[in-house]
N, C-alpha and C. Protein backbone atom coordinates (compact mmCIF):
# COMPACT_ATOMS: atom_id res chain seq x y z
N MET A 1 -21.52 -36.96 -45.36
CA MET A 1 -20.10 -37.01 -44.36
C MET A 1 -20.58 -36.03 -42.81
N THR A 2 -20.22 -36.32 -41.89
CA THR A 2 -20.65 -35.65 -40.79
C THR A 2 -19.63 -34.85 -40.34
N GLU A 3 -19.63 -33.73 -40.08
CA GLU A 3 -18.60 -32.53 -39.21
C GLU A 3 -18.61 -33.02 -37.59
N VAL A 4 -17.78 -33.25 -37.38
CA VAL A 4 -17.66 -33.36 -35.73
C VAL A 4 -16.85 -31.89 -34.99
N MET A 5 -17.46 -31.40 -34.27
CA MET A 5 -17.00 -30.10 -33.34
C MET A 5 -16.34 -30.57 -31.88
N THR A 6 -15.00 -30.26 -32.32
CA THR A 6 -14.36 -30.33 -31.13
C THR A 6 -13.77 -28.94 -30.49
N LYS A 7 -13.60 -29.17 -29.00
CA LYS A 7 -13.24 -28.22 -27.86
C LYS A 7 -11.78 -27.82 -28.64
N PRO A 8 -11.56 -26.38 -28.95
CA PRO A 8 -10.26 -26.08 -29.55
C PRO A 8 -9.35 -26.34 -28.33
N GLU A 9 -7.99 -27.29 -28.67
CA GLU A 9 -6.84 -27.15 -27.41
C GLU A 9 -6.21 -25.96 -26.75
N ARG A 10 -6.11 -25.99 -25.51
CA ARG A 10 -5.78 -25.23 -24.42
C ARG A 10 -4.40 -25.51 -25.12
N VAL A 11 -3.87 -23.81 -25.03
CA VAL A 11 -2.16 -24.19 -25.17
C VAL A 11 -1.91 -23.07 -24.16
N ALA A 12 -0.33 -23.11 -24.21
CA ALA A 12 0.27 -22.20 -23.08
C ALA A 12 0.53 -20.73 -23.65
N ILE A 13 -0.18 -20.02 -22.68
CA ILE A 13 -0.27 -18.25 -23.24
C ILE A 13 -0.08 -17.50 -21.99
N ASN A 14 0.11 -16.16 -22.43
CA ASN A 14 0.50 -15.31 -21.68
C ASN A 14 1.47 -15.43 -20.47
N GLY A 15 2.33 -16.37 -20.48
CA GLY A 15 3.26 -17.17 -19.85
C GLY A 15 2.96 -18.32 -18.82
N VAL A 16 1.60 -18.22 -19.13
CA VAL A 16 0.90 -19.78 -18.34
C VAL A 16 0.88 -20.81 -19.04
N ASP A 17 1.33 -21.97 -18.47
CA ASP A 17 0.93 -23.35 -19.12
C ASP A 17 0.16 -23.97 -18.30
N VAL A 18 -0.75 -23.63 -19.65
CA VAL A 18 -2.55 -24.06 -19.23
C VAL A 18 -2.76 -25.20 -18.94
N PRO A 19 -1.95 -26.36 -20.05
CA PRO A 19 -1.92 -27.64 -19.60
C PRO A 19 -1.71 -28.16 -18.40
N THR A 20 -1.18 -27.78 -17.70
CA THR A 20 -0.23 -28.44 -16.64
C THR A 20 -1.22 -27.92 -15.54
N PHE A 21 -1.97 -26.14 -15.79
CA PHE A 21 -2.93 -25.79 -14.76
C PHE A 21 -3.85 -26.63 -15.00
N VAL A 22 -4.40 -27.07 -16.53
CA VAL A 22 -5.59 -28.13 -16.14
C VAL A 22 -5.64 -29.49 -15.49
N ALA A 23 -4.48 -29.86 -15.72
CA ALA A 23 -3.97 -31.30 -14.96
C ALA A 23 -4.15 -30.84 -13.48
N THR A 24 -3.54 -29.90 -13.11
CA THR A 24 -3.62 -29.42 -11.86
C THR A 24 -4.93 -29.37 -10.94
N LEU A 25 -6.26 -28.71 -11.88
CA LEU A 25 -7.34 -28.37 -11.59
C LEU A 25 -7.75 -29.72 -11.44
N GLY A 26 -7.56 -30.63 -12.25
CA GLY A 26 -8.17 -32.33 -12.39
C GLY A 26 -7.79 -33.33 -11.33
N ALA A 27 -6.47 -32.85 -11.07
CA ALA A 27 -5.65 -33.59 -9.41
C ALA A 27 -6.21 -33.26 -8.35
N VAL A 28 -6.46 -31.71 -8.57
CA VAL A 28 -6.95 -31.42 -6.89
C VAL A 28 -8.17 -31.65 -6.88
N ASP A 29 -9.53 -31.68 -7.71
CA ASP A 29 -10.61 -32.01 -7.80
C ASP A 29 -11.05 -33.55 -7.30
N LYS A 30 -10.09 -34.22 -7.78
CA LYS A 30 -9.91 -35.86 -7.30
C LYS A 30 -9.07 -36.10 -5.87
N GLN A 31 -8.60 -35.61 -5.13
CA GLN A 31 -7.78 -35.46 -4.22
C GLN A 31 -8.04 -33.85 -3.82
N ARG A 32 -9.06 -33.42 -2.90
CA ARG A 32 -8.53 -32.08 -2.17
C ARG A 32 -8.17 -31.82 -1.74
N GLU A 33 -7.14 -32.84 -0.71
CA GLU A 33 -6.37 -32.51 0.16
C GLU A 33 -5.15 -31.84 -0.41
N ILE A 34 -5.00 -31.69 -1.35
CA ILE A 34 -3.86 -31.18 -2.13
C ILE A 34 -3.62 -29.47 -1.89
N ALA A 35 -5.33 -29.46 -1.98
CA ALA A 35 -5.23 -27.62 -1.90
C ALA A 35 -5.09 -26.96 -0.57
N ARG A 36 -5.17 -27.82 0.12
CA ARG A 36 -4.82 -27.52 1.53
C ARG A 36 -3.62 -26.74 2.07
N PHE A 37 -3.22 -25.44 1.91
CA PHE A 37 -2.33 -24.82 1.83
C PHE A 37 -1.79 -23.95 3.63
N THR A 38 -0.62 -24.05 4.22
CA THR A 38 -0.51 -22.88 4.96
C THR A 38 1.17 -21.94 4.36
N PHE A 39 0.75 -21.10 4.07
CA PHE A 39 1.82 -20.07 4.02
C PHE A 39 2.02 -19.09 5.02
N ARG A 40 3.27 -18.89 4.82
CA ARG A 40 4.41 -18.55 6.31
C ARG A 40 5.29 -17.00 6.08
N ALA A 41 5.14 -15.65 6.58
CA ALA A 41 6.27 -14.68 6.53
C ALA A 41 6.72 -14.54 7.97
N ASN A 42 7.58 -14.82 7.78
CA ASN A 42 8.80 -14.44 8.77
C ASN A 42 9.69 -13.28 8.61
N GLY A 43 8.67 -12.39 10.00
CA GLY A 43 9.01 -10.89 10.52
C GLY A 43 10.45 -10.75 11.15
N GLU A 44 11.21 -9.68 10.73
CA GLU A 44 12.08 -9.51 11.94
C GLU A 44 12.16 -7.95 12.03
N TRP A 45 12.68 -7.27 13.12
CA TRP A 45 12.32 -6.13 13.26
C TRP A 45 14.34 -5.34 12.72
N LEU A 46 14.06 -4.57 12.35
CA LEU A 46 15.80 -4.03 12.16
C LEU A 46 16.13 -2.29 13.16
N SER A 47 15.14 -1.70 12.93
CA SER A 47 15.12 -0.42 13.66
C SER A 47 13.95 0.37 13.45
N GLY A 48 13.68 1.02 14.47
CA GLY A 48 12.79 2.27 14.53
C GLY A 48 11.55 1.35 13.85
N THR A 49 10.40 1.89 12.93
CA THR A 49 9.44 1.43 12.27
C THR A 49 9.95 0.51 10.63
N HIS A 50 10.99 0.04 10.65
CA HIS A 50 11.78 -0.36 9.74
C HIS A 50 12.12 -2.11 9.98
N SER A 51 11.33 -3.18 9.40
CA SER A 51 11.28 -4.57 9.40
C SER A 51 11.55 -5.22 8.15
N ARG A 52 12.12 -6.42 8.29
CA ARG A 52 12.38 -7.09 7.03
C ARG A 52 11.43 -8.59 7.28
N ILE A 53 10.73 -8.96 5.99
CA ILE A 53 10.13 -10.35 6.28
C ILE A 53 10.60 -11.17 5.13
N ALA A 54 10.42 -12.58 5.55
CA ALA A 54 11.22 -13.71 4.37
C ALA A 54 10.47 -14.37 4.21
N PHE A 55 10.25 -15.09 3.22
CA PHE A 55 8.97 -15.98 2.68
C PHE A 55 10.19 -17.50 2.05
N ASN A 56 10.31 -18.26 2.87
CA ASN A 56 11.09 -19.29 2.77
C ASN A 56 10.60 -20.76 2.18
N ASP A 57 9.80 -21.15 2.91
CA ASP A 57 8.58 -22.18 2.71
C ASP A 57 7.22 -21.99 2.66
N PHE A 58 6.72 -23.03 2.69
CA PHE A 58 4.95 -23.03 2.59
C PHE A 58 4.65 -24.38 2.69
N TYR A 59 3.44 -25.05 3.47
CA TYR A 59 3.05 -26.50 3.28
C TYR A 59 2.11 -26.47 2.43
N GLY A 60 1.52 -27.28 1.11
CA GLY A 60 1.01 -27.55 0.16
C GLY A 60 1.17 -28.40 -0.96
N ALA A 61 0.24 -29.13 -1.25
CA ALA A 61 0.19 -30.38 -2.24
C ALA A 61 0.36 -31.54 -1.25
N CYS A 62 0.25 -31.35 0.18
CA CYS A 62 0.09 -32.60 0.98
C CYS A 62 1.37 -32.58 1.42
N CYS A 63 2.46 -31.83 1.34
CA CYS A 63 3.56 -31.75 1.96
C CYS A 63 4.63 -30.09 2.08
N GLU A 64 5.79 -30.33 3.24
CA GLU A 64 6.14 -29.42 3.05
C GLU A 64 7.02 -28.84 1.64
N ASN A 65 7.45 -27.34 1.50
CA ASN A 65 8.25 -26.97 0.28
C ASN A 65 8.95 -25.78 0.36
N GLU A 66 9.57 -25.84 -0.28
CA GLU A 66 10.36 -24.60 -0.40
C GLU A 66 10.49 -23.88 -1.41
N HIS A 67 10.58 -22.31 -1.35
CA HIS A 67 10.39 -21.39 -2.39
C HIS A 67 11.97 -21.68 -3.21
N ASN A 68 11.90 -21.13 -4.42
CA ASN A 68 13.13 -21.80 -5.51
C ASN A 68 14.28 -20.26 -4.71
N GLN A 69 13.81 -20.06 -3.98
CA GLN A 69 14.94 -19.39 -3.53
C GLN A 69 14.27 -18.26 -2.48
N ARG A 70 15.27 -17.51 -1.26
CA ARG A 70 14.51 -16.94 -0.27
C ARG A 70 14.04 -15.93 -0.91
N TYR A 71 13.17 -15.34 -0.34
CA TYR A 71 12.28 -14.05 -0.92
C TYR A 71 12.02 -13.48 0.19
N THR A 72 12.58 -11.58 0.05
CA THR A 72 12.33 -11.12 1.17
C THR A 72 11.76 -9.51 0.61
N ILE A 73 10.97 -8.98 1.98
CA ILE A 73 10.26 -7.78 1.58
C ILE A 73 10.73 -6.93 2.98
N GLU A 74 10.55 -5.57 2.69
CA GLU A 74 10.63 -4.83 3.63
C GLU A 74 9.57 -3.88 3.96
N GLY A 75 9.28 -3.64 5.15
CA GLY A 75 8.63 -2.30 5.36
C GLY A 75 8.73 -1.45 6.26
N ASP A 76 8.69 -0.38 6.08
CA ASP A 76 9.04 0.96 6.92
C ASP A 76 7.74 2.16 7.05
N HIS A 77 7.69 3.12 7.86
CA HIS A 77 6.87 3.96 7.99
C HIS A 77 7.62 5.12 7.17
N PRO A 78 7.30 6.39 6.67
CA PRO A 78 7.76 7.44 5.98
C PRO A 78 8.47 8.42 6.86
N GLU A 79 9.20 9.26 6.52
CA GLU A 79 9.85 10.19 7.97
C GLU A 79 8.60 10.87 8.50
N VAL A 80 7.46 11.57 7.53
CA VAL A 80 6.48 12.12 8.11
C VAL A 80 5.42 11.15 9.21
N LEU A 81 5.96 9.90 9.19
CA LEU A 81 5.20 9.06 10.37
C LEU A 81 6.21 8.56 11.16
N CYS A 82 7.20 9.26 11.22
CA CYS A 82 8.25 8.78 12.38
C CYS A 82 9.23 7.61 12.19
N GLY A 83 8.94 7.35 10.71
CA GLY A 83 10.34 6.09 10.24
C GLY A 83 11.29 6.77 9.25
N THR A 84 12.09 5.82 8.86
CA THR A 84 12.92 6.67 8.07
C THR A 84 13.07 6.47 6.63
N ASP A 85 11.67 5.66 6.06
CA ASP A 85 11.35 5.58 4.20
C ASP A 85 12.13 4.59 4.08
N ASN A 86 12.69 3.91 4.48
CA ASN A 86 13.23 2.46 4.17
C ASN A 86 12.40 1.98 2.97
N ALA A 87 11.30 1.46 3.30
CA ALA A 87 10.59 0.81 2.19
C ALA A 87 8.99 1.27 2.09
N PRO A 88 8.06 0.61 1.61
CA PRO A 88 6.69 1.16 1.37
C PRO A 88 5.82 0.61 3.24
N THR A 89 4.87 1.04 3.71
CA THR A 89 4.33 0.93 4.78
C THR A 89 3.76 -0.63 4.84
N PRO A 90 3.26 -0.96 6.17
CA PRO A 90 2.90 -2.44 5.96
C PRO A 90 1.53 -2.09 5.00
N ALA A 91 1.00 -0.70 4.89
CA ALA A 91 -0.60 -1.01 4.17
C ALA A 91 -0.58 -0.63 3.21
N GLU A 92 0.65 -0.40 2.91
CA GLU A 92 0.61 -0.55 1.46
C GLU A 92 1.24 -1.72 0.57
N LEU A 93 1.85 -2.04 1.87
CA LEU A 93 1.98 -4.08 1.06
C LEU A 93 0.85 -4.39 1.16
N LEU A 94 -0.13 -4.30 1.94
CA LEU A 94 -1.35 -5.09 1.81
C LEU A 94 -1.79 -4.49 0.52
N LEU A 95 -2.21 -3.52 0.07
CA LEU A 95 -2.80 -3.09 -1.12
C LEU A 95 -2.02 -3.45 -2.23
N GLY A 96 -0.58 -3.54 -2.03
CA GLY A 96 0.15 -4.40 -3.01
C GLY A 96 -0.07 -5.63 -3.24
N ALA A 97 -0.60 -6.40 -2.33
CA ALA A 97 -0.86 -7.95 -2.15
C ALA A 97 -2.20 -7.87 -2.94
N LEU A 98 -3.24 -7.29 -2.77
CA LEU A 98 -4.86 -7.26 -3.15
C LEU A 98 -4.28 -6.77 -5.03
N SER A 99 -3.21 -5.73 -5.40
CA SER A 99 -3.17 -5.63 -6.90
C SER A 99 -2.20 -7.19 -7.00
N ALA A 100 -1.41 -7.47 -6.78
CA ALA A 100 -0.69 -8.84 -7.45
C ALA A 100 -1.69 -9.85 -7.21
N CYS A 101 -2.73 -10.29 -6.40
CA CYS A 101 -3.56 -11.44 -6.70
C CYS A 101 -4.30 -11.17 -7.64
N LEU A 102 -4.87 -9.96 -7.59
CA LEU A 102 -6.46 -9.99 -8.80
C LEU A 102 -5.19 -9.77 -9.98
N THR A 103 -3.97 -9.70 -10.48
CA THR A 103 -3.18 -9.65 -11.58
C THR A 103 -3.13 -10.75 -11.93
N ALA A 104 -2.65 -11.55 -10.74
CA ALA A 104 -1.98 -13.27 -11.27
C ALA A 104 -3.79 -13.65 -11.78
N GLY A 105 -4.05 -13.82 -10.99
CA GLY A 105 -5.99 -14.16 -11.16
C GLY A 105 -6.03 -13.95 -12.48
N ILE A 106 -6.04 -12.49 -12.91
CA ILE A 106 -6.06 -12.17 -14.53
C ILE A 106 -5.77 -13.22 -15.37
N GLY A 107 -4.04 -13.37 -15.26
CA GLY A 107 -3.46 -13.86 -15.82
C GLY A 107 -3.99 -15.32 -16.26
N ASN A 108 -4.23 -15.92 -15.08
CA ASN A 108 -4.59 -17.29 -14.97
C ASN A 108 -5.89 -17.48 -15.75
N ILE A 109 -7.00 -16.38 -15.50
CA ILE A 109 -8.22 -16.64 -16.28
C ILE A 109 -8.09 -16.60 -17.73
N ALA A 110 -7.40 -15.37 -18.11
CA ALA A 110 -7.50 -15.20 -19.38
C ALA A 110 -6.65 -16.34 -20.16
N SER A 111 -5.47 -17.07 -19.51
CA SER A 111 -5.07 -17.69 -20.19
C SER A 111 -6.20 -19.16 -20.47
N MET A 112 -6.36 -19.66 -18.99
CA MET A 112 -7.36 -20.72 -19.62
C MET A 112 -8.64 -20.09 -20.59
N ARG A 113 -8.79 -19.33 -20.96
CA ARG A 113 -9.95 -18.85 -21.97
C ARG A 113 -9.51 -18.85 -23.18
N GLN A 114 -7.92 -18.59 -23.14
CA GLN A 114 -7.13 -18.62 -24.19
C GLN A 114 -7.41 -17.15 -24.98
N VAL A 115 -7.60 -16.23 -23.77
CA VAL A 115 -7.55 -14.99 -24.46
C VAL A 115 -6.24 -14.40 -24.28
N GLU A 116 -5.50 -13.63 -24.79
CA GLU A 116 -4.03 -13.11 -25.12
C GLU A 116 -3.99 -11.79 -24.51
N LEU A 117 -3.41 -11.37 -23.76
CA LEU A 117 -3.66 -10.16 -22.89
C LEU A 117 -2.31 -9.46 -23.26
N LYS A 118 -2.69 -8.09 -23.59
CA LYS A 118 -1.75 -7.11 -24.39
C LYS A 118 -1.01 -6.26 -23.28
N SER A 119 -1.89 -6.06 -22.12
CA SER A 119 -1.38 -5.14 -21.20
C SER A 119 -2.31 -5.66 -19.82
N VAL A 120 -1.94 -5.73 -18.47
CA VAL A 120 -3.01 -5.51 -17.44
C VAL A 120 -2.17 -4.63 -16.10
N GLU A 121 -2.58 -3.76 -15.74
CA GLU A 121 -2.68 -2.68 -14.58
C GLU A 121 -3.68 -2.56 -13.94
N CYS A 122 -3.04 -2.76 -12.68
CA CYS A 122 -3.78 -2.28 -11.28
C CYS A 122 -3.47 -1.67 -10.29
N GLN A 123 -4.32 -0.57 -10.26
CA GLN A 123 -3.82 0.30 -9.63
C GLN A 123 -4.98 0.14 -8.14
N VAL A 124 -4.57 0.40 -7.13
CA VAL A 124 -4.77 0.19 -6.10
C VAL A 124 -4.48 1.72 -4.87
N GLU A 125 -5.94 2.13 -4.39
CA GLU A 125 -5.65 2.84 -3.61
C GLU A 125 -6.61 2.79 -2.30
N GLY A 126 -5.88 3.27 -0.98
CA GLY A 126 -6.84 2.84 0.39
C GLY A 126 -6.72 4.45 0.92
N ASP A 127 -8.16 4.53 2.09
CA ASP A 127 -7.93 5.66 2.54
C ASP A 127 -7.86 5.17 3.62
N ILE A 128 -7.16 5.89 4.76
CA ILE A 128 -7.02 5.20 6.15
C ILE A 128 -6.70 6.99 7.12
N ASP A 129 -7.73 6.89 7.94
CA ASP A 129 -7.62 7.78 9.08
C ASP A 129 -6.34 7.86 10.18
N LEU A 130 -5.19 7.96 10.37
CA LEU A 130 -4.36 7.40 11.33
C LEU A 130 -5.03 7.81 12.49
N THR A 131 -5.92 8.22 13.13
CA THR A 131 -6.21 9.02 14.14
C THR A 131 -6.43 7.55 15.23
N GLY A 132 -6.77 6.66 14.64
CA GLY A 132 -6.89 5.17 15.19
C GLY A 132 -5.59 4.45 15.75
N ILE A 133 -4.86 4.63 14.56
CA ILE A 133 -3.51 3.91 15.10
C ILE A 133 -2.63 4.81 16.06
N LEU A 134 -2.74 5.99 15.61
CA LEU A 134 -2.13 7.11 16.68
C LEU A 134 -2.50 7.46 18.63
N GLY A 135 -3.47 6.56 18.60
CA GLY A 135 -4.86 6.38 19.73
C GLY A 135 -5.08 8.08 19.90
N ILE A 136 -5.11 8.42 18.94
CA ILE A 136 -5.78 9.75 19.39
C ILE A 136 -7.68 9.74 19.43
N ASP A 137 -8.42 9.15 18.45
CA ASP A 137 -9.51 8.76 18.59
C ASP A 137 -9.84 7.14 18.70
N PRO A 138 -10.26 6.84 19.65
CA PRO A 138 -10.43 5.34 19.71
C PRO A 138 -11.78 4.91 19.04
N GLN A 139 -12.54 5.72 18.42
CA GLN A 139 -14.01 5.66 17.74
C GLN A 139 -13.41 5.35 16.13
N SER A 140 -12.32 5.66 15.61
CA SER A 140 -11.60 5.27 14.86
C SER A 140 -10.94 4.41 14.41
N ARG A 141 -11.57 3.38 13.29
CA ARG A 141 -11.08 2.21 13.12
C ARG A 141 -9.33 2.27 12.75
N ASN A 142 -8.36 1.37 13.12
CA ASN A 142 -7.04 1.40 12.62
C ASN A 142 -6.64 1.10 11.43
N GLY A 143 -7.60 0.46 10.63
CA GLY A 143 -6.96 0.12 9.08
C GLY A 143 -8.24 1.15 8.01
N PHE A 144 -8.00 0.43 6.81
CA PHE A 144 -8.38 1.59 5.59
C PHE A 144 -9.80 1.76 5.87
N ASN A 145 -10.39 2.61 5.53
CA ASN A 145 -11.77 3.11 5.01
C ASN A 145 -12.69 2.74 3.75
N GLY A 146 -12.10 2.41 2.95
CA GLY A 146 -12.15 2.15 1.53
C GLY A 146 -10.88 2.29 0.95
N VAL A 147 -11.16 1.20 -0.04
CA VAL A 147 -10.12 0.87 -0.76
C VAL A 147 -10.69 0.64 -2.49
N ARG A 148 -10.31 1.28 -3.34
CA ARG A 148 -10.35 1.18 -4.93
C ARG A 148 -9.44 0.45 -5.60
N VAL A 149 -9.63 -0.20 -6.37
CA VAL A 149 -9.43 -0.70 -7.41
C VAL A 149 -9.43 -0.41 -8.89
N THR A 150 -8.51 -0.32 -9.34
CA THR A 150 -8.95 0.16 -11.09
C THR A 150 -7.73 -0.84 -11.73
N VAL A 151 -8.63 -1.43 -12.90
CA VAL A 151 -7.94 -2.27 -13.71
C VAL A 151 -8.09 -2.13 -14.87
N LYS A 152 -6.92 -1.57 -15.64
CA LYS A 152 -6.76 -1.19 -17.06
C LYS A 152 -6.11 -2.77 -17.78
N ILE A 153 -7.47 -3.39 -18.71
CA ILE A 153 -6.87 -4.29 -19.25
C ILE A 153 -6.79 -4.51 -20.72
N ASP A 154 -6.14 -4.98 -21.51
CA ASP A 154 -6.25 -5.00 -22.94
C ASP A 154 -5.54 -6.33 -23.44
N GLY A 155 -6.86 -6.77 -24.38
CA GLY A 155 -6.59 -8.01 -24.86
C GLY A 155 -7.25 -8.24 -25.88
N ASP A 156 -6.67 -9.63 -26.60
CA ASP A 156 -7.65 -9.86 -28.20
C ASP A 156 -9.00 -10.50 -27.43
N ALA A 157 -9.69 -9.94 -27.14
CA ALA A 157 -11.22 -10.41 -26.85
C ALA A 157 -11.82 -9.38 -26.65
N ASP A 158 -13.27 -8.94 -26.61
CA ASP A 158 -14.11 -8.05 -26.69
C ASP A 158 -14.02 -7.96 -24.99
N ALA A 159 -14.63 -6.44 -24.94
CA ALA A 159 -14.45 -5.54 -23.72
C ALA A 159 -15.55 -6.71 -22.54
N GLU A 160 -16.83 -6.96 -23.28
CA GLU A 160 -17.59 -7.86 -22.05
C GLU A 160 -16.62 -8.80 -21.76
N THR A 161 -16.35 -9.92 -22.55
CA THR A 161 -15.26 -10.91 -21.97
C THR A 161 -13.85 -10.06 -21.21
N LEU A 162 -13.50 -9.64 -21.81
CA LEU A 162 -12.45 -8.70 -20.53
C LEU A 162 -12.92 -8.30 -19.09
N GLU A 163 -13.91 -7.74 -19.19
CA GLU A 163 -14.74 -7.49 -17.81
C GLU A 163 -15.22 -8.57 -17.63
N LYS A 164 -15.19 -9.69 -17.85
CA LYS A 164 -15.69 -10.70 -17.31
C LYS A 164 -14.52 -11.38 -16.47
N ILE A 165 -13.29 -11.20 -17.47
CA ILE A 165 -11.79 -11.98 -16.72
C ILE A 165 -11.43 -11.36 -15.33
N VAL A 166 -11.64 -10.21 -15.46
CA VAL A 166 -11.48 -9.37 -14.43
C VAL A 166 -12.59 -9.53 -13.06
N ARG A 167 -14.15 -9.42 -13.43
CA ARG A 167 -14.84 -10.08 -12.26
C ARG A 167 -14.84 -11.22 -11.55
N GLN A 168 -13.73 -12.36 -12.76
CA GLN A 168 -13.95 -13.71 -12.22
C GLN A 168 -12.81 -13.92 -11.21
N SER A 169 -11.57 -12.69 -11.77
CA SER A 169 -10.29 -12.52 -11.02
C SER A 169 -10.86 -12.28 -9.29
N VAL A 170 -11.72 -11.54 -9.47
CA VAL A 170 -11.93 -10.60 -8.03
C VAL A 170 -13.04 -11.54 -7.47
N ALA A 171 -13.84 -12.34 -8.20
CA ALA A 171 -14.75 -13.76 -7.08
C ALA A 171 -13.87 -14.48 -6.73
N ARG A 172 -12.38 -14.69 -6.82
CA ARG A 172 -11.26 -15.98 -6.82
C ARG A 172 -10.78 -15.35 -5.81
N SER A 173 -10.42 -14.27 -5.80
CA SER A 173 -9.10 -13.67 -5.08
C SER A 173 -9.23 -13.73 -3.55
N ALA A 174 -8.21 -14.38 -3.17
CA ALA A 174 -7.79 -14.98 -1.58
C ALA A 174 -7.53 -13.78 -1.16
N VAL A 175 -7.06 -12.78 -1.52
CA VAL A 175 -6.74 -11.23 -0.86
C VAL A 175 -8.15 -10.50 -0.50
N PHE A 176 -8.62 -10.66 -1.99
CA PHE A 176 -10.05 -9.88 -1.85
C PHE A 176 -10.69 -10.23 -0.91
N ASP A 177 -10.64 -11.68 -0.82
CA ASP A 177 -11.81 -12.23 0.00
C ASP A 177 -11.05 -12.33 1.74
N VAL A 178 -10.13 -12.22 1.80
CA VAL A 178 -9.45 -11.81 3.07
C VAL A 178 -10.15 -10.24 3.68
N MET A 179 -9.74 -9.27 2.56
CA MET A 179 -9.91 -7.73 2.74
C MET A 179 -11.33 -7.71 3.15
N THR A 180 -12.51 -8.15 2.33
CA THR A 180 -13.61 -7.84 2.15
C THR A 180 -14.34 -8.81 3.49
N ASN A 181 -13.77 -10.15 3.55
CA ASN A 181 -14.88 -11.06 4.71
C ASN A 181 -14.19 -11.05 6.19
N GLY A 182 -13.09 -10.48 6.20
CA GLY A 182 -12.09 -11.14 7.05
C GLY A 182 -11.53 -12.32 7.55
N VAL A 183 -10.82 -12.26 8.57
CA VAL A 183 -10.12 -13.29 9.05
C VAL A 183 -10.18 -13.31 10.00
N PRO A 184 -10.15 -14.90 11.21
CA PRO A 184 -10.06 -14.95 12.57
C PRO A 184 -8.10 -14.60 12.47
N VAL A 185 -7.65 -13.76 13.30
CA VAL A 185 -6.62 -13.59 13.26
C VAL A 185 -5.87 -14.09 14.69
N SER A 186 -5.04 -14.84 15.34
CA SER A 186 -5.05 -14.86 16.46
C SER A 186 -3.67 -14.47 16.68
N VAL A 187 -2.66 -13.72 17.98
CA VAL A 187 -1.53 -13.36 18.21
C VAL A 187 -1.15 -14.31 19.45
N ASN A 188 0.04 -14.50 19.25
CA ASN A 188 0.83 -15.06 20.65
C ASN A 188 2.34 -14.48 20.90
N ALA A 189 1.79 -13.80 22.12
CA ALA A 189 3.35 -13.51 22.05
C ALA A 189 4.56 -14.52 22.66
N GLN A 190 5.76 -14.65 22.20
CA GLN A 190 6.51 -15.19 23.44
C GLN A 190 7.71 -14.45 23.66
N VAL A 191 7.60 -14.25 24.94
CA VAL A 191 8.24 -13.22 25.53
C VAL A 191 9.86 -13.40 26.17
N ALA A 192 10.88 -12.77 25.56
CA ALA A 192 12.12 -13.84 26.29
C ALA A 192 12.73 -13.63 27.42
């Protein structure tokens, strides 16, 4: 009698519906235009350095989509930077976006590999010299001079596998890609 070895079935794990994820990957592979998305953020000035950004809808999977609810975040500057400290700075929101993107990737990748996660923490720090933003030193860049990420991960796999999950998340992260490779940005001012 011959024993047939089969791949273990992938099941939902870590809050990720793995069978649906696998089906989605297959659908996108067959119809690549499904993968073209346009995300939108609509900002509104409130006062001083304080603003609110809404995320209502996006284009993806070949059609317009609405979020299940209207999401908002706010941005501000701390008092030491002449703000009112009503929210994180835009630079901190960028660091938060990197943390969220890497963490989401880790969750998906671990689930696809059927690794049960116990915990994931993603700490992100960025160094910035504000003399550029403040117009004091035109040679100083306006953005971060360096960003450091520390990922603490615990799961039911060996250290090498967990490290590979983190590395694959970095390799597939849209926010990491934008921060390390840049992207063309155009700004159109519509004056009232």
